[in-house]
Amino acid sequence: MSHLFPTYTRWEVEPEIAGGSMLIDKNGNSYLDFTSGIGVCNLGHRPKNVEDAVLKQLNQFWHISNLFQSSSQETAAKMLAEASGLDRVFFANSGAEANEAAIKLARKATGKSKIITFNSSFHGRTFATMSATGQDKIKYGFGPMLETFVYVSYNDIEAVKREIGRDIAAVMIEVVQGEGGIHVGKKDFLQGVEQLCKQHNALFIIDEIQTGIGRTGKPFAFQHYDLGPDLITTAKGLGSGFPIGACLGKENLAQYFGAGSHGSTFGGNPLSIAASIATMDTIFKEDFLAEVVDKSEYFFEQLRNQLHHLSMIENIRGIGMMAGIECKFSVTTVLSELRNMGLLALPAGDKVIRLLPPLTISEEHIKNGVNIIKEVLETSAKPLEHVY
């Protein structure tokens, strides 16, 4: 009997050790990891510089609380500010907490309560972020949601125009909808949303929980589109597996987040901050990001070249090291078969295979991983031909 709540559909794999792009389970089976811990281990498993930084901090102190001065938090905040173009940072423990901070700050700063989000979005599983999420399956069974949020179609600027007005505090958006199916925002749409926010004195919030920290080949995905958000949130890749999130904002918002207005006992924990500094020190370097761009081109070239002939594929989309393969049927069985063949991949909705390999992955591993996907899809498609 398990004493854990059954909140996760757990795979049949129990890890024993992991390093780089590889994971070995307790039965000695090796896996090529195209999940990166759901977009968390952007430098692969156990990067040496992050491990060294955490061990150094471990020998100093683990926790002191945010009542004390912290030069390491200041260093991490400066790195985030310089990489993003924003000014102020609040450290939390997760993406959901970072989004909670952004929601609270937007309401307080504007004096308004309604926030526009998008169908198929995902912003977290706390009550406010669950309410912000544009997916009914996330909310099932929890009763009435907060009435704060208005949902509109993604990549549809007319839908935003119909809802935005004097009572809207903010628009909260993902540049790429990760959990929702790897839907990439169109440049004119994203820029149009920003302009509408300016016209209606609403804050422009970009959720970079999954897309930030180099995942798309830039420090943050919004930088591909010449956008100037008021707030951005990030987490996942920020700490290389240590729990951390951050809400970044423009200087004029600092007055609304004064002492006692918000907080977190463990937010900005010294170990997580040490991990984040070491992570950013690697990922935010121009040469590293240039390599990510090159690998991304090779990644999508392999996906298209090896999979273009498969009739069961509707679309291959994404940006950077973030790809979605949309199939004409549920991919649950396909994902299980991929694991049996030694490749770890994720779903994004029912019909999309989501691939989030480490940014440090080799071209050889990319090619091998895509080849496994091809083999499994070719095999899995045969019994499903009658479905599509």
Protein backbone atom coordinates (compact mmCIF):
# COMPACT_ATOMS: atom_id res chain seq x y z
CA MET A 1 0.00 0.00 0.00
CA SER A 2 1.26 3.47 -0.90
CA HIS A 3 0.98 6.32 1.60
CA LEU A 4 1.18 8.87 -1.22
CA PHE A 5 -1.90 10.57 -2.62
CA PRO A 6 -2.36 9.24 -6.19
CA THR A 7 -2.04 12.68 -7.77
CA TYR A 8 0.40 11.51 -10.45
CA THR A 9 0.15 8.84 -13.13
CA ARG A 10 3.61 7.49 -12.48
CA TRP A 11 5.67 5.73 -15.12
CA GLU A 12 7.09 2.25 -14.63
CA VAL A 13 10.61 3.74 -14.32
CA GLU A 14 12.41 4.43 -11.02
CA PRO A 15 15.68 6.32 -11.54
CA GLU A 16 18.88 5.13 -9.92
CA ILE A 17 21.35 7.66 -11.34
CA ALA A 18 21.43 10.31 -14.05
CA GLY A 19 24.05 12.42 -15.78
CA GLY A 20 23.97 14.68 -18.81
CA SER A 21 21.28 13.48 -21.22
CA MET A 22 21.11 9.95 -19.82
CA LEU A 23 19.20 8.29 -16.99
CA ILE A 24 19.61 4.76 -15.60
CA ASP A 25 16.82 3.07 -13.66
CA LYS A 26 16.99 0.61 -10.75
CA ASN A 27 16.82 -2.32 -13.18
CA GLY A 28 19.88 -1.10 -15.05
CA ASN A 29 17.97 0.16 -18.09
CA SER A 30 19.38 3.25 -19.82
CA TYR A 31 17.21 6.05 -21.18
CA LEU A 32 17.88 9.04 -23.38
CA ASP A 33 16.07 11.85 -21.60
CA PHE A 34 14.04 14.17 -23.84
CA THR A 35 12.07 15.51 -20.85
CA SER A 36 14.77 17.36 -18.85
CA GLY A 37 12.59 16.86 -15.77
CA ILE A 38 9.74 18.68 -17.61
CA GLY A 39 11.98 21.46 -18.87
CA VAL A 40 13.93 21.84 -15.63
CA CYS A 41 17.37 20.29 -16.22
CA ASN A 42 18.35 22.60 -19.06
CA LEU A 43 22.04 21.83 -18.48
CA GLY A 44 21.33 18.11 -18.27
CA HIS A 45 21.41 16.04 -15.12
CA ARG A 46 23.90 17.01 -12.41
CA PRO A 47 25.96 19.68 -14.25
CA LYS A 48 29.33 19.93 -12.51
CA ASN A 49 29.37 23.70 -12.00
CA VAL A 50 25.93 23.67 -10.40
CA GLU A 51 26.81 20.72 -8.19
CA ASP A 52 29.98 22.48 -7.03
CA ALA A 53 28.08 25.70 -6.24
CA VAL A 54 25.44 23.87 -4.21
CA LEU A 55 28.03 21.86 -2.29
CA LYS A 56 29.90 25.06 -1.42
CA GLN A 57 26.70 26.64 -0.09
CA LEU A 58 25.77 23.42 1.69
CA ASN A 59 28.91 23.78 3.78
CA GLN A 60 28.03 27.37 4.73
CA PHE A 61 24.31 27.36 5.66
CA TRP A 62 21.07 25.94 4.24
CA HIS A 63 18.41 28.33 5.48
CA ILE A 64 18.31 31.60 7.39
CA SER A 65 14.99 33.26 6.25
CA ASN A 66 14.42 36.42 4.26
CA LEU A 67 14.84 38.63 7.33
CA PHE A 68 18.56 38.65 6.61
CA GLN A 69 20.57 40.44 3.95
CA SER A 70 21.50 38.19 1.02
CA SER A 71 24.23 39.17 -1.42
CA SER A 72 23.64 35.91 -3.33
CA GLN A 73 19.97 36.84 -3.90
CA GLU A 74 21.12 40.26 -5.08
CA THR A 75 23.55 38.59 -7.51
CA ALA A 76 20.89 36.25 -8.90
CA ALA A 77 18.37 39.11 -9.20
CA LYS A 78 20.91 41.27 -11.06
CA MET A 79 21.62 38.43 -13.50
CA LEU A 80 17.90 37.99 -14.19
CA ALA A 81 17.35 41.74 -14.56
CA GLU A 82 20.24 42.16 -16.98
CA ALA A 83 19.19 39.15 -19.05
CA SER A 84 15.53 40.22 -19.25
CA GLY A 85 15.68 44.00 -19.39
CA LEU A 86 13.44 44.28 -16.32
CA ASP A 87 14.42 45.75 -12.96
CA ARG A 88 13.07 44.01 -9.87
CA VAL A 89 12.82 40.35 -8.79
CA PHE A 90 10.81 38.41 -6.22
CA PHE A 91 12.04 34.87 -5.54
CA ALA A 92 9.56 32.06 -4.95
CA ASN A 93 9.76 28.25 -4.90
CA SER A 94 7.99 27.35 -8.14
CA GLY A 95 6.36 28.59 -11.30
CA ALA A 96 2.91 28.58 -9.72
CA GLU A 97 4.17 30.77 -6.87
CA ALA A 98 5.85 33.13 -9.34
CA ASN A 99 2.56 33.45 -11.21
CA GLU A 100 0.68 34.02 -7.94
CA ALA A 101 3.05 36.90 -7.24
CA ALA A 102 2.46 38.39 -10.69
CA ILE A 103 -1.32 38.12 -10.32
CA LYS A 104 -1.27 39.78 -6.90
CA LEU A 105 1.08 42.54 -8.03
CA ALA A 106 -0.96 43.28 -11.17
CA ARG A 107 -4.16 43.67 -9.16
CA LYS A 108 -2.55 45.85 -6.52
CA ALA A 109 -0.66 48.07 -8.96
CA THR A 110 -3.65 48.74 -11.22
CA GLY A 111 -6.45 48.73 -8.65
CA LYS A 112 -8.35 46.45 -11.04
CA SER A 113 -9.19 42.77 -10.67
CA LYS A 114 -9.87 41.07 -14.01
CA ILE A 115 -7.10 39.37 -15.98
CA ILE A 116 -7.30 38.01 -19.52
CA THR A 117 -5.70 34.60 -20.12
CA PHE A 118 -6.01 32.15 -23.00
CA ASN A 119 -7.68 28.88 -23.90
CA SER A 120 -5.24 25.94 -23.62
CA SER A 121 -2.95 27.97 -21.34
CA PHE A 122 -1.35 26.56 -18.20
CA HIS A 123 -0.24 28.72 -15.28
CA GLY A 124 -0.17 26.38 -12.29
CA ARG A 125 -2.28 24.39 -9.82
CA THR A 126 -2.73 26.75 -6.88
CA PHE A 127 -6.24 28.16 -6.73
CA ALA A 128 -5.45 31.45 -8.47
CA THR A 129 -3.17 29.92 -11.11
CA MET A 130 -5.59 27.04 -11.68
CA SER A 131 -8.29 29.65 -12.22
CA ALA A 132 -5.97 31.47 -14.64
CA THR A 133 -5.41 28.29 -16.64
CA GLY A 134 -7.55 27.93 -19.75
CA GLN A 135 -8.07 24.16 -19.48
CA ASP A 136 -11.20 22.72 -17.86
CA LYS A 137 -9.54 19.39 -17.02
CA ILE A 138 -7.25 21.16 -14.54
CA LYS A 139 -10.25 22.54 -12.65
CA TYR A 140 -12.56 19.54 -12.58
CA GLY A 141 -14.03 18.77 -9.16
CA PHE A 142 -12.72 21.83 -7.32
CA GLY A 143 -15.89 23.87 -7.42
CA PRO A 144 -16.33 27.44 -8.67
CA MET A 145 -13.16 29.12 -9.88
CA LEU A 146 -12.15 32.69 -9.10
CA GLU A 147 -14.10 35.12 -11.26
CA THR A 148 -10.95 37.16 -11.81
CA PHE A 149 -10.11 35.56 -15.14
CA VAL A 150 -11.48 35.95 -18.67
CA TYR A 151 -10.43 33.37 -21.29
CA VAL A 152 -10.02 34.07 -25.01
CA SER A 153 -8.64 32.22 -28.05
CA TYR A 154 -4.87 32.16 -28.49
CA ASN A 155 -3.38 33.90 -31.55
CA ASP A 156 -6.69 35.75 -32.03
CA ILE A 157 -6.19 39.49 -31.53
CA GLU A 158 -9.85 40.24 -32.24
CA ALA A 159 -10.85 38.05 -29.29
CA VAL A 160 -8.57 40.10 -27.03
CA LYS A 161 -10.01 43.37 -28.36
CA ARG A 162 -13.52 42.20 -27.50
CA GLU A 163 -12.63 41.61 -23.84
CA ILE A 164 -10.06 44.23 -22.94
CA GLY A 165 -11.34 47.40 -21.29
CA ARG A 166 -11.06 49.69 -18.28
CA ASP A 167 -11.71 46.85 -15.81
CA ILE A 168 -8.80 44.67 -17.03
CA ALA A 169 -5.75 44.68 -14.76
CA ALA A 170 -3.53 42.58 -17.03
CA VAL A 171 -3.20 40.15 -19.87
CA MET A 172 -1.25 37.02 -18.90
CA ILE A 173 0.17 34.99 -21.77
CA GLU A 174 2.67 32.30 -22.71
CA VAL A 175 4.82 32.98 -25.78
CA VAL A 176 4.66 29.22 -26.37
CA GLN A 177 1.84 27.24 -24.76
CA GLY A 178 3.81 24.30 -23.39
CA GLU A 179 1.34 22.12 -21.49
CA GLY A 180 -1.38 23.19 -23.93
CA GLY A 181 0.25 21.53 -26.94
CA ILE A 182 3.38 23.52 -27.97
CA HIS A 183 1.41 26.29 -29.66
CA VAL A 184 3.76 29.10 -30.72
CA GLY A 185 2.52 32.68 -30.59
CA LYS A 186 2.49 34.76 -33.78
CA LYS A 187 4.60 37.90 -33.70
CA ASP A 188 1.85 40.28 -34.83
CA PHE A 189 -0.54 38.76 -32.28
CA LEU A 190 1.88 39.09 -29.36
CA GLN A 191 2.84 42.62 -30.31
CA GLY A 192 -0.84 43.45 -30.74
CA VAL A 193 -1.60 42.22 -27.23
CA GLU A 194 1.17 44.41 -25.85
CA GLN A 195 -0.21 47.47 -27.64
CA LEU A 196 -3.73 46.80 -26.34
CA CYS A 197 -2.35 46.58 -22.80
CA LYS A 198 -0.72 49.98 -23.21
CA GLN A 199 -3.89 51.52 -24.64
CA HIS A 200 -6.03 50.26 -21.75
CA ASN A 201 -3.53 50.75 -18.89
CA ALA A 202 -3.31 47.01 -18.29
CA LEU A 203 -0.11 45.19 -17.38
CA PHE A 204 1.42 42.84 -19.93
CA ILE A 205 2.48 39.64 -18.13
CA ILE A 206 4.46 36.92 -19.88
CA ASP A 207 4.62 33.46 -18.30
CA GLU A 208 8.12 32.14 -19.08
CA ILE A 209 8.00 29.23 -16.64
CA GLN A 210 8.76 26.65 -19.33
CA THR A 211 10.21 28.83 -22.08
CA GLY A 212 12.70 30.85 -20.05
CA ILE A 213 16.37 30.31 -19.17
CA GLY A 214 17.65 29.51 -22.66
CA ARG A 215 15.03 26.94 -23.69
CA THR A 216 14.27 28.76 -26.97
CA GLY A 217 17.80 29.96 -27.76
CA LYS A 218 17.47 33.30 -25.98
CA PRO A 219 17.44 34.03 -22.25
CA PHE A 220 13.65 34.44 -22.50
CA ALA A 221 11.31 33.53 -25.34
CA PHE A 222 9.65 36.98 -25.50
CA GLN A 223 12.98 38.32 -26.80
CA HIS A 224 12.32 36.66 -30.17
CA TYR A 225 9.39 39.04 -30.69
CA ASP A 226 10.62 42.52 -29.66
CA LEU A 227 8.24 42.66 -26.72
CA GLY A 228 8.47 44.79 -23.57
CA PRO A 229 6.48 43.07 -20.81
CA ASP A 230 5.73 44.71 -17.48
CA LEU A 231 6.09 41.42 -15.64
CA ILE A 232 7.57 38.04 -16.52
CA THR A 233 7.64 34.86 -14.50
CA THR A 234 10.18 32.06 -14.69
CA ALA A 235 11.04 28.86 -12.82
CA LYS A 236 11.77 25.33 -14.15
CA GLY A 237 15.20 25.79 -15.81
CA LEU A 238 16.31 28.48 -13.38
CA GLY A 239 17.68 26.15 -10.71
CA SER A 240 18.75 23.02 -12.66
CA GLY A 241 16.42 20.92 -10.49
CA PHE A 242 16.49 22.91 -7.25
CA PRO A 243 13.10 24.44 -6.43
CA ILE A 244 13.01 28.11 -7.37
CA GLY A 245 10.77 30.55 -9.22
CA ALA A 246 10.95 34.26 -9.88
CA CYS A 247 8.63 37.13 -10.73
CA LEU A 248 10.40 39.96 -12.57
CA GLY A 249 8.93 43.43 -12.97
CA LYS A 250 9.61 46.97 -14.10
CA GLU A 251 10.92 49.52 -11.61
CA ASN A 252 7.63 51.42 -11.33
CA LEU A 253 6.00 48.32 -9.80
CA ALA A 254 8.39 48.14 -6.83
CA GLN A 255 6.27 50.60 -4.79
CA TYR A 256 3.38 48.11 -4.74
CA PHE A 257 5.43 45.23 -3.35
CA GLY A 258 6.76 46.84 -0.20
CA ALA A 259 7.58 45.19 3.13
CA GLY A 260 4.79 42.89 4.30
CA SER A 261 2.89 42.92 1.00
CA HIS A 262 4.08 39.49 -0.11
CA GLY A 263 6.50 36.83 1.03
CA SER A 264 7.70 33.23 1.07
CA THR A 265 9.43 31.35 3.88
CA PHE A 266 11.58 29.29 1.51
CA GLY A 267 11.63 31.64 -1.50
CA GLY A 268 15.20 32.38 -2.51
CA ASN A 269 16.58 29.53 -0.42
CA PRO A 270 20.42 29.73 -0.36
CA LEU A 271 20.89 26.33 -2.03
CA SER A 272 18.44 27.14 -4.84
CA ILE A 273 19.98 30.58 -5.32
CA ALA A 274 23.46 29.04 -5.56
CA ALA A 275 22.15 26.61 -8.18
CA SER A 276 20.45 29.41 -10.13
CA ILE A 277 23.57 31.61 -10.22
CA ALA A 278 25.67 28.73 -11.56
CA THR A 279 22.96 27.84 -14.07
CA MET A 280 22.58 31.38 -15.39
CA ASP A 281 26.34 31.87 -15.47
CA THR A 282 26.46 29.14 -18.12
CA ILE A 283 23.21 29.58 -20.03
CA PHE A 284 23.21 33.37 -20.42
CA LYS A 285 26.57 33.40 -22.20
CA GLU A 286 26.28 34.37 -25.89
CA ASP A 287 28.36 31.41 -27.09
CA PHE A 288 26.19 28.94 -25.19
CA LEU A 289 22.95 30.40 -26.58
CA ALA A 290 24.42 30.39 -30.10
CA GLU A 291 25.07 26.65 -29.69
CA VAL A 292 21.46 26.16 -28.57
CA VAL A 293 20.26 27.86 -31.76
CA ASP A 294 22.49 25.61 -33.89
CA LYS A 295 21.29 22.50 -32.08
CA SER A 296 17.70 23.63 -32.46
CA GLU A 297 18.09 23.88 -36.23
CA TYR A 298 19.57 20.39 -36.30
CA PHE A 299 16.83 19.11 -33.97
CA PHE A 300 13.97 20.31 -36.18
CA GLU A 301 15.82 19.24 -39.32
CA GLN A 302 16.01 15.71 -37.92
CA LEU A 303 12.36 15.73 -36.86
CA ARG A 304 11.16 16.85 -40.28
CA ASN A 305 13.54 14.69 -42.32
CA GLN A 306 12.87 11.50 -40.39
CA LEU A 307 9.15 11.94 -39.77
CA HIS A 308 7.83 13.81 -42.83
CA HIS A 309 6.61 10.61 -44.52
CA LEU A 310 4.43 9.48 -41.61
CA SER A 311 0.76 10.05 -42.43
CA MET A 312 -0.35 9.92 -38.78
CA ILE A 313 1.47 13.20 -37.99
CA GLU A 314 -0.63 16.35 -38.22
CA ASN A 315 2.11 18.86 -37.44
CA ILE A 316 5.58 19.37 -36.01
CA ARG A 317 5.99 22.72 -34.26
CA GLY A 318 8.06 24.50 -31.66
CA ILE A 319 11.02 26.77 -31.13
CA GLY A 320 14.51 26.24 -29.74
CA MET A 321 14.81 22.95 -27.87
CA MET A 322 11.06 22.73 -27.41
CA ALA A 323 9.12 20.62 -29.92
CA GLY A 324 5.65 19.17 -30.27
CA ILE A 325 4.70 16.34 -32.61
CA GLU A 326 0.93 16.41 -33.07
CA CYS A 327 -0.52 13.03 -34.03
CA LYS A 328 -3.96 11.98 -35.25
CA PHE A 329 -4.53 9.79 -32.20
CA SER A 330 -3.82 9.66 -28.47
CA VAL A 331 -0.08 9.36 -27.82
CA THR A 332 -0.37 7.57 -24.45
CA THR A 333 0.64 4.20 -25.91
CA VAL A 334 3.35 5.80 -28.04
CA LEU A 335 4.97 7.39 -24.99
CA SER A 336 4.97 4.03 -23.21
CA GLU A 337 6.58 2.36 -26.22
CA LEU A 338 9.19 5.12 -26.41
CA ARG A 339 10.18 4.33 -22.82
CA ASN A 340 10.41 0.65 -23.69
CA MET A 341 12.80 1.64 -26.48
CA GLY A 342 14.91 3.78 -24.16
CA LEU A 343 13.57 7.30 -24.82
CA LEU A 344 11.78 9.50 -22.29
CA ALA A 345 9.27 11.97 -23.73
CA LEU A 346 6.21 13.88 -22.49
CA PRO A 347 2.62 14.51 -23.53
CA ALA A 348 1.19 17.97 -24.17
CA GLY A 349 -2.50 17.28 -24.21
CA ASP A 350 -3.82 13.99 -25.57
CA LYS A 351 -2.33 13.97 -29.08
CA VAL A 352 1.01 15.78 -28.82
CA ILE A 353 4.41 14.28 -28.06
CA ARG A 354 6.35 16.99 -26.22
CA LEU A 355 10.15 16.98 -26.49
CA LEU A 356 12.30 19.07 -24.13
CA PRO A 357 15.86 17.73 -24.43
CA PRO A 358 18.66 19.29 -22.37
CA LEU A 359 20.24 22.31 -24.02
CA THR A 360 23.56 20.51 -23.69
CA ILE A 361 22.47 17.42 -25.66
CA SER A 362 24.78 16.19 -28.43
CA GLU A 363 23.76 15.97 -32.08
CA GLU A 364 24.33 12.24 -31.89
CA HIS A 365 21.81 11.91 -29.08
CA ILE A 366 19.35 14.12 -30.97
CA LYS A 367 19.62 11.91 -34.05
CA ASN A 368 19.30 8.71 -32.01
CA GLY A 369 16.28 10.03 -30.14
CA VAL A 370 14.43 11.09 -33.27
CA ASN A 371 15.22 7.74 -34.86
CA ILE A 372 13.56 5.98 -31.90
CA ILE A 373 10.50 8.19 -32.31
CA LYS A 374 10.35 7.30 -36.00
CA GLU A 375 10.60 3.58 -35.29
CA VAL A 376 7.92 3.65 -32.60
CA LEU A 377 5.52 5.78 -34.64
CA GLU A 378 5.90 3.52 -37.66
CA THR A 379 5.09 0.52 -35.47
CA SER A 380 2.33 2.15 -33.43
CA ALA A 381 0.53 3.56 -36.45
CA LYS A 382 -0.36 0.18 -37.98
CA PRO A 383 -3.07 -0.88 -35.50
CA LEU A 384 -4.45 2.69 -35.46
CA GLU A 385 -4.80 3.18 -39.21
CA HIS A 386 -8.56 2.65 -39.05
CA VAL A 387 -8.91 5.46 -36.50
CA TYR A 388 -7.59 8.26 -38.64
